[in-house]
Amino acid sequence: MIYKTNDGLELEIVIIRKRNKNIYFRVKEDLKVYVSAPMYLSSKSIMGLIKENEKDILKMYEIAKDKAKDNDKFMYLGKKYYIEFKDQDGVTFDGTNVYVKDMQELTKFYDSEVKRIFTEEVEIAKKCFSHLPEFTLKFRKMKTRWGVCNTAKKTVTLNTELLKKEIPLLDYVIVHELCHFFEGNHSKNFWALVAQAYPNYKEARKKLRY
């Protein structure tokens, strides 16, 4: 089913009927509009509701379109690079491109950089603290947290997605988690401790939406 917007853009509509009372619109990375609609609602009524909500649907379409464009890009330390496949060993960069043999090699590079850079930055951050306990540093991809400090197990886990951010933002997360060894919750004392090691923590929090 095709819906034509006021600007002449043709959107492919996929209707999914469910036993729900409300209607929901989503635009996925394939740029199709997915409509979850009640069983009783006719296709004509659905198209009418799409027309009523065209402005919001177009906003979702633009967001999905931007995400789709980013699929051929590689985020590294706060910069986006276009991925160019080239018959070579290793990974090289210029101002706008990253050159690599295949995606497997790029993933391997990413994982090795996580271990190298995160370990180096943690060692630097340790110098901001006295009497810091010995702990194990771990890395994994997380959906809702940038970092986790488990004081009982003496572990600090950093989100591998941080490699896509600028180094100062990574440093903030490290400082934040190390402070939890001294203050378990986010009390005034905790933030005072964070401020001693990372004075611009509020700006970093805003950028990370921490």
C-alpha atoms as a PDB file:
ATOM      1  CA  MET A   1       0.000   0.000   0.000  1.00  0.00           C
ATOM      2  CA  ILE A   2       1.405   3.405  -0.987  1.00  0.00           C
ATOM      3  CA  TYR A   3       0.635   6.744   0.635  1.00  0.00           C
ATOM      4  CA  LYS A   4       1.527   9.928  -1.228  1.00  0.00           C
ATOM      5  CA  THR A   5       2.382  12.929   0.959  1.00  0.00           C
ATOM      6  CA  ASN A   6       1.492  16.534   0.209  1.00  0.00           C
ATOM      7  CA  ASP A   7       5.050  17.009  -1.096  1.00  0.00           C
ATOM      8  CA  GLY A   8       4.725  14.098  -3.485  1.00  0.00           C
ATOM      9  CA  LEU A   9       6.827  11.628  -1.464  1.00  0.00           C
ATOM     10  CA  GLU A  10       5.584   8.065  -1.804  1.00  0.00           C
ATOM     11  CA  LEU A  11       5.677   6.057   1.421  1.00  0.00           C
ATOM     12  CA  GLU A  12       5.198   2.306   1.536  1.00  0.00           C
ATOM     13  CA  ILE A  13       2.693   1.409   4.250  1.00  0.00           C
ATOM     14  CA  VAL A  14       2.792  -1.924   6.079  1.00  0.00           C
ATOM     15  CA  ILE A  15      -0.322  -2.572   8.170  1.00  0.00           C
ATOM     16  CA  ILE A  16      -0.036  -4.966  11.102  1.00  0.00           C
ATOM     17  CA  ARG A  17      -3.350  -5.758  12.757  1.00  0.00           C
ATOM     18  CA  LYS A  18      -3.284  -6.460  16.489  1.00  0.00           C
ATOM     19  CA  ARG A  19      -5.717  -6.822  19.332  1.00  0.00           C
ATOM     20  CA  ASN A  20      -5.032  -3.349  20.648  1.00  0.00           C
ATOM     21  CA  LYS A  21      -7.265  -0.320  21.009  1.00  0.00           C
ATOM     22  CA  ASN A  22      -4.881   2.320  19.676  1.00  0.00           C
ATOM     23  CA  ILE A  23      -3.020   2.856  16.425  1.00  0.00           C
ATOM     24  CA  TYR A  24       0.779   3.243  16.342  1.00  0.00           C
ATOM     25  CA  PHE A  25       3.115   4.457  13.588  1.00  0.00           C
ATOM     26  CA  ARG A  26       6.783   3.532  13.187  1.00  0.00           C
ATOM     27  CA  VAL A  27       9.307   4.112  10.407  1.00  0.00           C
ATOM     28  CA  LYS A  28      12.091   1.516  10.324  1.00  0.00           C
ATOM     29  CA  GLU A  29      15.487   1.615   8.612  1.00  0.00           C
ATOM     30  CA  ASP A  30      13.944   0.161   5.440  1.00  0.00           C
ATOM     31  CA  LEU A  31      12.021   3.507   5.331  1.00  0.00           C
ATOM     32  CA  LYS A  32       8.641   1.775   5.342  1.00  0.00           C
ATOM     33  CA  VAL A  33       5.849   3.052   7.591  1.00  0.00           C
ATOM     34  CA  TYR A  34       4.689   0.283   9.895  1.00  0.00           C
ATOM     35  CA  VAL A  35       1.187   0.747  11.281  1.00  0.00           C
ATOM     36  CA  SER A  36      -0.014  -1.311  14.244  1.00  0.00           C
ATOM     37  CA  ALA A  37      -3.779  -1.014  14.065  1.00  0.00           C
ATOM     38  CA  PRO A  38      -6.812  -2.525  15.805  1.00  0.00           C
ATOM     39  CA  MET A  39      -8.433  -5.491  14.041  1.00  0.00           C
ATOM     40  CA  TYR A  40     -11.655  -3.613  13.318  1.00  0.00           C
ATOM     41  CA  LEU A  41     -10.081  -0.530  11.689  1.00  0.00           C
ATOM     42  CA  SER A  42     -10.491  -0.423   7.898  1.00  0.00           C
ATOM     43  CA  SER A  43      -7.635   0.345   5.505  1.00  0.00           C
ATOM     44  CA  LYS A  44      -9.447   3.510   4.419  1.00  0.00           C
ATOM     45  CA  SER A  45      -9.634   4.716   8.041  1.00  0.00           C
ATOM     46  CA  ILE A  46      -5.954   3.912   8.545  1.00  0.00           C
ATOM     47  CA  MET A  47      -4.992   5.968   5.488  1.00  0.00           C
ATOM     48  CA  GLY A  48      -7.080   8.819   6.839  1.00  0.00           C
ATOM     49  CA  LEU A  49      -5.217   8.673  10.160  1.00  0.00           C
ATOM     50  CA  ILE A  50      -1.892   8.612   8.314  1.00  0.00           C
ATOM     51  CA  LYS A  51      -2.955  11.816   6.571  1.00  0.00           C
ATOM     52  CA  GLU A  52      -3.862  13.403   9.919  1.00  0.00           C
ATOM     53  CA  ASN A  53      -0.478  12.443  11.377  1.00  0.00           C
ATOM     54  CA  GLU A  54       1.554  13.085   8.225  1.00  0.00           C
ATOM     55  CA  LYS A  55       3.757  15.748   9.840  1.00  0.00           C
ATOM     56  CA  ASP A  56       4.859  13.465  12.695  1.00  0.00           C
ATOM     57  CA  ILE A  57       5.319  10.488  10.368  1.00  0.00           C
ATOM     58  CA  LEU A  58       7.571  12.553   8.099  1.00  0.00           C
ATOM     59  CA  LYS A  59       9.711  13.498  11.115  1.00  0.00           C
ATOM     60  CA  MET A  60      10.117   9.785  11.903  1.00  0.00           C
ATOM     61  CA  TYR A  61      10.911   9.141   8.241  1.00  0.00           C
ATOM     62  CA  GLU A  62      13.730  11.737   8.242  1.00  0.00           C
ATOM     63  CA  ILE A  63      15.224  10.269  11.435  1.00  0.00           C
ATOM     64  CA  ALA A  64      15.151   6.755   9.938  1.00  0.00           C
ATOM     65  CA  LYS A  65      16.639   8.076   6.707  1.00  0.00           C
ATOM     66  CA  ASP A  66      19.556   9.645   8.589  1.00  0.00           C
ATOM     67  CA  LYS A  67      20.181   6.388  10.452  1.00  0.00           C
ATOM     68  CA  ALA A  68      20.188   4.455   7.181  1.00  0.00           C
ATOM     69  CA  LYS A  69      22.804   6.859   5.783  1.00  0.00           C
ATOM     70  CA  ASP A  70      25.033   6.159   8.786  1.00  0.00           C
ATOM     71  CA  ASN A  71      25.165   2.431   8.026  1.00  0.00           C
ATOM     72  CA  ASP A  72      28.154   2.961   5.728  1.00  0.00           C
ATOM     73  CA  LYS A  73      30.018   5.012   8.330  1.00  0.00           C
ATOM     74  CA  PHE A  74      32.362   4.107  11.157  1.00  0.00           C
ATOM     75  CA  MET A  75      32.271   6.081  14.401  1.00  0.00           C
ATOM     76  CA  TYR A  76      35.637   6.345  16.143  1.00  0.00           C
ATOM     77  CA  LEU A  77      36.600   8.741  18.958  1.00  0.00           C
ATOM     78  CA  GLY A  78      33.908  11.274  18.141  1.00  0.00           C
ATOM     79  CA  LYS A  79      34.351  11.304  14.351  1.00  0.00           C
ATOM     80  CA  LYS A  80      32.452   9.674  11.493  1.00  0.00           C
ATOM     81  CA  TYR A  81      34.444   7.994   8.733  1.00  0.00           C
ATOM     82  CA  TYR A  82      33.162   6.598   5.459  1.00  0.00           C
ATOM     83  CA  ILE A  83      34.090   2.929   5.130  1.00  0.00           C
ATOM     84  CA  GLU A  84      36.171   2.158   2.035  1.00  0.00           C
ATOM     85  CA  PHE A  85      37.055  -1.467   1.360  1.00  0.00           C
ATOM     86  CA  LYS A  86      40.585  -1.946   0.070  1.00  0.00           C
ATOM     87  CA  ASP A  87      42.878  -4.957  -0.405  1.00  0.00           C
ATOM     88  CA  GLN A  88      45.300  -4.195   2.437  1.00  0.00           C
ATOM     89  CA  ASP A  89      46.457  -5.379   5.840  1.00  0.00           C
ATOM     90  CA  GLY A  90      45.223  -3.520   8.905  1.00  0.00           C
ATOM     91  CA  VAL A  91      43.126  -0.380   9.181  1.00  0.00           C
ATOM     92  CA  THR A  92      44.145   3.100   8.001  1.00  0.00           C
ATOM     93  CA  PHE A  93      42.471   6.509   8.178  1.00  0.00           C
ATOM     94  CA  ASP A  94      42.557   9.784   6.313  1.00  0.00           C
ATOM     95  CA  GLY A  95      40.503  12.888   7.052  1.00  0.00           C
ATOM     96  CA  THR A  96      37.144  11.418   6.048  1.00  0.00           C
ATOM     97  CA  ASN A  97      37.637   7.708   5.269  1.00  0.00           C
ATOM     98  CA  VAL A  98      38.633   4.504   6.996  1.00  0.00           C
ATOM     99  CA  TYR A  99      40.252   1.905   4.722  1.00  0.00           C
ATOM    100  CA  VAL A 100      39.952  -1.775   5.530  1.00  0.00           C
ATOM    101  CA  LYS A 101      39.842  -5.150   3.805  1.00  0.00           C
ATOM    102  CA  ASP A 102      36.440  -6.209   5.162  1.00  0.00           C
ATOM    103  CA  MET A 103      33.989  -5.682   8.028  1.00  0.00           C
ATOM    104  CA  GLN A 104      35.478  -8.543   9.993  1.00  0.00           C
ATOM    105  CA  GLU A 105      38.829  -6.760  10.036  1.00  0.00           C
ATOM    106  CA  LEU A 106      37.139  -3.515  11.099  1.00  0.00           C
ATOM    107  CA  THR A 107      35.349  -5.256  13.978  1.00  0.00           C
ATOM    108  CA  LYS A 108      38.637  -6.813  15.063  1.00  0.00           C
ATOM    109  CA  PHE A 109      40.272  -3.368  15.012  1.00  0.00           C
ATOM    110  CA  TYR A 110      37.397  -1.866  17.042  1.00  0.00           C
ATOM    111  CA  ASP A 111      37.656  -4.542  19.740  1.00  0.00           C
ATOM    112  CA  SER A 112      41.430  -4.152  20.024  1.00  0.00           C
ATOM    113  CA  GLU A 113      41.117  -0.359  20.272  1.00  0.00           C
ATOM    114  CA  VAL A 114      38.528  -0.708  23.049  1.00  0.00           C
ATOM    115  CA  LYS A 115      40.981  -2.737  25.107  1.00  0.00           C
ATOM    116  CA  ARG A 116      43.974  -0.494  24.342  1.00  0.00           C
ATOM    117  CA  ILE A 117      42.402   2.946  24.742  1.00  0.00           C
ATOM    118  CA  PHE A 118      40.113   2.128  27.659  1.00  0.00           C
ATOM    119  CA  THR A 119      42.981   0.530  29.601  1.00  0.00           C
ATOM    120  CA  GLU A 120      45.247   3.523  28.952  1.00  0.00           C
ATOM    121  CA  GLU A 121      42.582   6.033  30.047  1.00  0.00           C
ATOM    122  CA  VAL A 122      41.757   4.059  33.190  1.00  0.00           C
ATOM    123  CA  GLU A 123      45.422   4.085  34.187  1.00  0.00           C
ATOM    124  CA  ILE A 124      45.473   7.880  33.774  1.00  0.00           C
ATOM    125  CA  ALA A 125      42.241   8.296  35.778  1.00  0.00           C
ATOM    126  CA  LYS A 126      43.581   6.176  38.640  1.00  0.00           C
ATOM    127  CA  LYS A 127      46.091   8.914  39.389  1.00  0.00           C
ATOM    128  CA  CYS A 128      43.230  11.185  40.472  1.00  0.00           C
ATOM    129  CA  PHE A 129      42.418   8.927  43.436  1.00  0.00           C
ATOM    130  CA  SER A 130      44.118   7.843  46.633  1.00  0.00           C
ATOM    131  CA  HIS A 131      43.484   4.434  48.203  1.00  0.00           C
ATOM    132  CA  LEU A 132      41.655   3.136  45.155  1.00  0.00           C
ATOM    133  CA  PRO A 133      41.074  -0.617  45.569  1.00  0.00           C
ATOM    134  CA  GLU A 134      42.436  -3.113  43.078  1.00  0.00           C
ATOM    135  CA  PHE A 135      39.761  -3.934  40.512  1.00  0.00           C
ATOM    136  CA  THR A 136      39.218  -5.838  37.286  1.00  0.00           C
ATOM    137  CA  LEU A 137      38.440  -3.851  34.151  1.00  0.00           C
ATOM    138  CA  LYS A 138      35.858  -5.339  31.789  1.00  0.00           C
ATOM    139  CA  PHE A 139      34.314  -4.254  28.481  1.00  0.00           C
ATOM    140  CA  ARG A 140      30.957  -5.098  26.921  1.00  0.00           C
ATOM    141  CA  LYS A 141      28.233  -3.499  24.851  1.00  0.00           C
ATOM    142  CA  MET A 142      25.376  -2.227  27.007  1.00  0.00           C
ATOM    143  CA  LYS A 143      22.049  -0.722  25.985  1.00  0.00           C
ATOM    144  CA  THR A 144      21.218   1.468  28.965  1.00  0.00           C
ATOM    145  CA  ARG A 145      24.480   2.212  30.780  1.00  0.00           C
ATOM    146  CA  TRP A 146      27.827   3.720  29.864  1.00  0.00           C
ATOM    147  CA  GLY A 147      29.539   2.035  32.774  1.00  0.00           C
ATOM    148  CA  VAL A 148      28.986  -0.131  35.838  1.00  0.00           C
ATOM    149  CA  CYS A 149      30.997  -0.338  39.059  1.00  0.00           C
ATOM    150  CA  ASN A 150      30.456  -3.477  41.122  1.00  0.00           C
ATOM    151  CA  THR A 151      32.043  -2.657  44.461  1.00  0.00           C
ATOM    152  CA  ALA A 152      31.398  -6.121  45.894  1.00  0.00           C
ATOM    153  CA  LYS A 153      33.134  -7.939  43.042  1.00  0.00           C
ATOM    154  CA  LYS A 154      35.680  -5.130  42.540  1.00  0.00           C
ATOM    155  CA  THR A 155      34.948  -4.779  38.828  1.00  0.00           C
ATOM    156  CA  VAL A 156      34.441  -1.801  36.520  1.00  0.00           C
ATOM    157  CA  THR A 157      32.668  -2.504  33.237  1.00  0.00           C
ATOM    158  CA  LEU A 158      32.762   0.049  30.409  1.00  0.00           C
ATOM    159  CA  ASN A 159      30.382   0.159  27.472  1.00  0.00           C
ATOM    160  CA  THR A 160      32.261  -0.601  24.249  1.00  0.00           C
ATOM    161  CA  GLU A 161      30.083   2.012  22.502  1.00  0.00           C
ATOM    162  CA  LEU A 162      32.190   4.649  24.280  1.00  0.00           C
ATOM    163  CA  LEU A 163      34.894   4.175  21.655  1.00  0.00           C
ATOM    164  CA  LYS A 164      32.556   6.093  19.338  1.00  0.00           C
ATOM    165  CA  LYS A 165      32.684   9.098  21.670  1.00  0.00           C
ATOM    166  CA  GLU A 166      35.361  11.712  22.246  1.00  0.00           C
ATOM    167  CA  ILE A 167      38.099  10.771  24.733  1.00  0.00           C
ATOM    168  CA  PRO A 168      36.970  13.372  27.342  1.00  0.00           C
ATOM    169  CA  LEU A 169      33.542  11.698  27.489  1.00  0.00           C
ATOM    170  CA  LEU A 170      35.157   8.294  27.997  1.00  0.00           C
ATOM    171  CA  ASP A 171      37.273   9.843  30.767  1.00  0.00           C
ATOM    172  CA  TYR A 172      34.171  11.185  32.477  1.00  0.00           C
ATOM    173  CA  VAL A 173      32.523   7.753  32.549  1.00  0.00           C
ATOM    174  CA  ILE A 174      35.706   6.211  33.967  1.00  0.00           C
ATOM    175  CA  VAL A 175      35.922   8.848  36.716  1.00  0.00           C
ATOM    176  CA  HIS A 176      32.211   8.425  37.448  1.00  0.00           C
ATOM    177  CA  GLU A 177      32.558   4.673  37.951  1.00  0.00           C
ATOM    178  CA  LEU A 178      35.760   4.924  40.006  1.00  0.00           C
ATOM    179  CA  CYS A 179      34.035   7.371  42.353  1.00  0.00           C
ATOM    180  CA  HIS A 180      31.526   4.658  43.202  1.00  0.00           C
ATOM    181  CA  PHE A 181      34.244   2.786  45.071  1.00  0.00           C
ATOM    182  CA  PHE A 182      34.044   5.619  47.622  1.00  0.00           C
ATOM    183  CA  GLU A 183      30.391   6.664  47.324  1.00  0.00           C
ATOM    184  CA  GLY A 184      27.842   3.989  46.455  1.00  0.00           C
ATOM    185  CA  ASN A 185      24.995   6.287  45.402  1.00  0.00           C
ATOM    186  CA  HIS A 186      24.677   9.613  43.628  1.00  0.00           C
ATOM    187  CA  SER A 187      24.747  11.756  46.743  1.00  0.00           C
ATOM    188  CA  LYS A 188      26.133  15.292  47.071  1.00  0.00           C
ATOM    189  CA  ASN A 189      29.364  13.757  48.322  1.00  0.00           C
ATOM    190  CA  PHE A 190      29.539  11.603  45.202  1.00  0.00           C
ATOM    191  CA  TRP A 191      29.205  14.539  42.809  1.00  0.00           C
ATOM    192  CA  ALA A 192      31.704  16.558  44.855  1.00  0.00           C
ATOM    193  CA  LEU A 193      34.175  13.706  44.416  1.00  0.00           C
ATOM    194  CA  VAL A 194      33.472  13.548  40.685  1.00  0.00           C
ATOM    195  CA  ALA A 195      34.002  17.318  40.407  1.00  0.00           C
ATOM    196  CA  GLN A 196      37.452  17.070  41.996  1.00  0.00           C
ATOM    197  CA  ALA A 197      38.658  14.697  39.271  1.00  0.00           C
ATOM    198  CA  TYR A 198      36.489  15.980  36.417  1.00  0.00           C
ATOM    199  CA  PRO A 199      35.324  19.610  36.955  1.00  0.00           C
ATOM    200  CA  ASN A 200      33.296  19.751  33.704  1.00  0.00           C
ATOM    201  CA  TYR A 201      31.237  16.680  34.556  1.00  0.00           C
ATOM    202  CA  LYS A 202      27.892  18.441  34.024  1.00  0.00           C
ATOM    203  CA  GLU A 203      28.742  19.186  30.405  1.00  0.00           C
ATOM    204  CA  ALA A 204      29.846  15.587  29.843  1.00  0.00           C
ATOM    205  CA  ARG A 205      26.662  14.274  31.425  1.00  0.00           C
ATOM    206  CA  LYS A 206      24.600  16.452  29.120  1.00  0.00           C
ATOM    207  CA  LYS A 207      26.410  15.159  26.031  1.00  0.00           C
ATOM    208  CA  LEU A 208      26.027  11.558  27.137  1.00  0.00           C
ATOM    209  CA  ARG A 209      22.582  12.083  28.678  1.00  0.00           C
ATOM    210  CA  TYR A 210      24.016  10.195  31.636  1.00  0.00           C
END
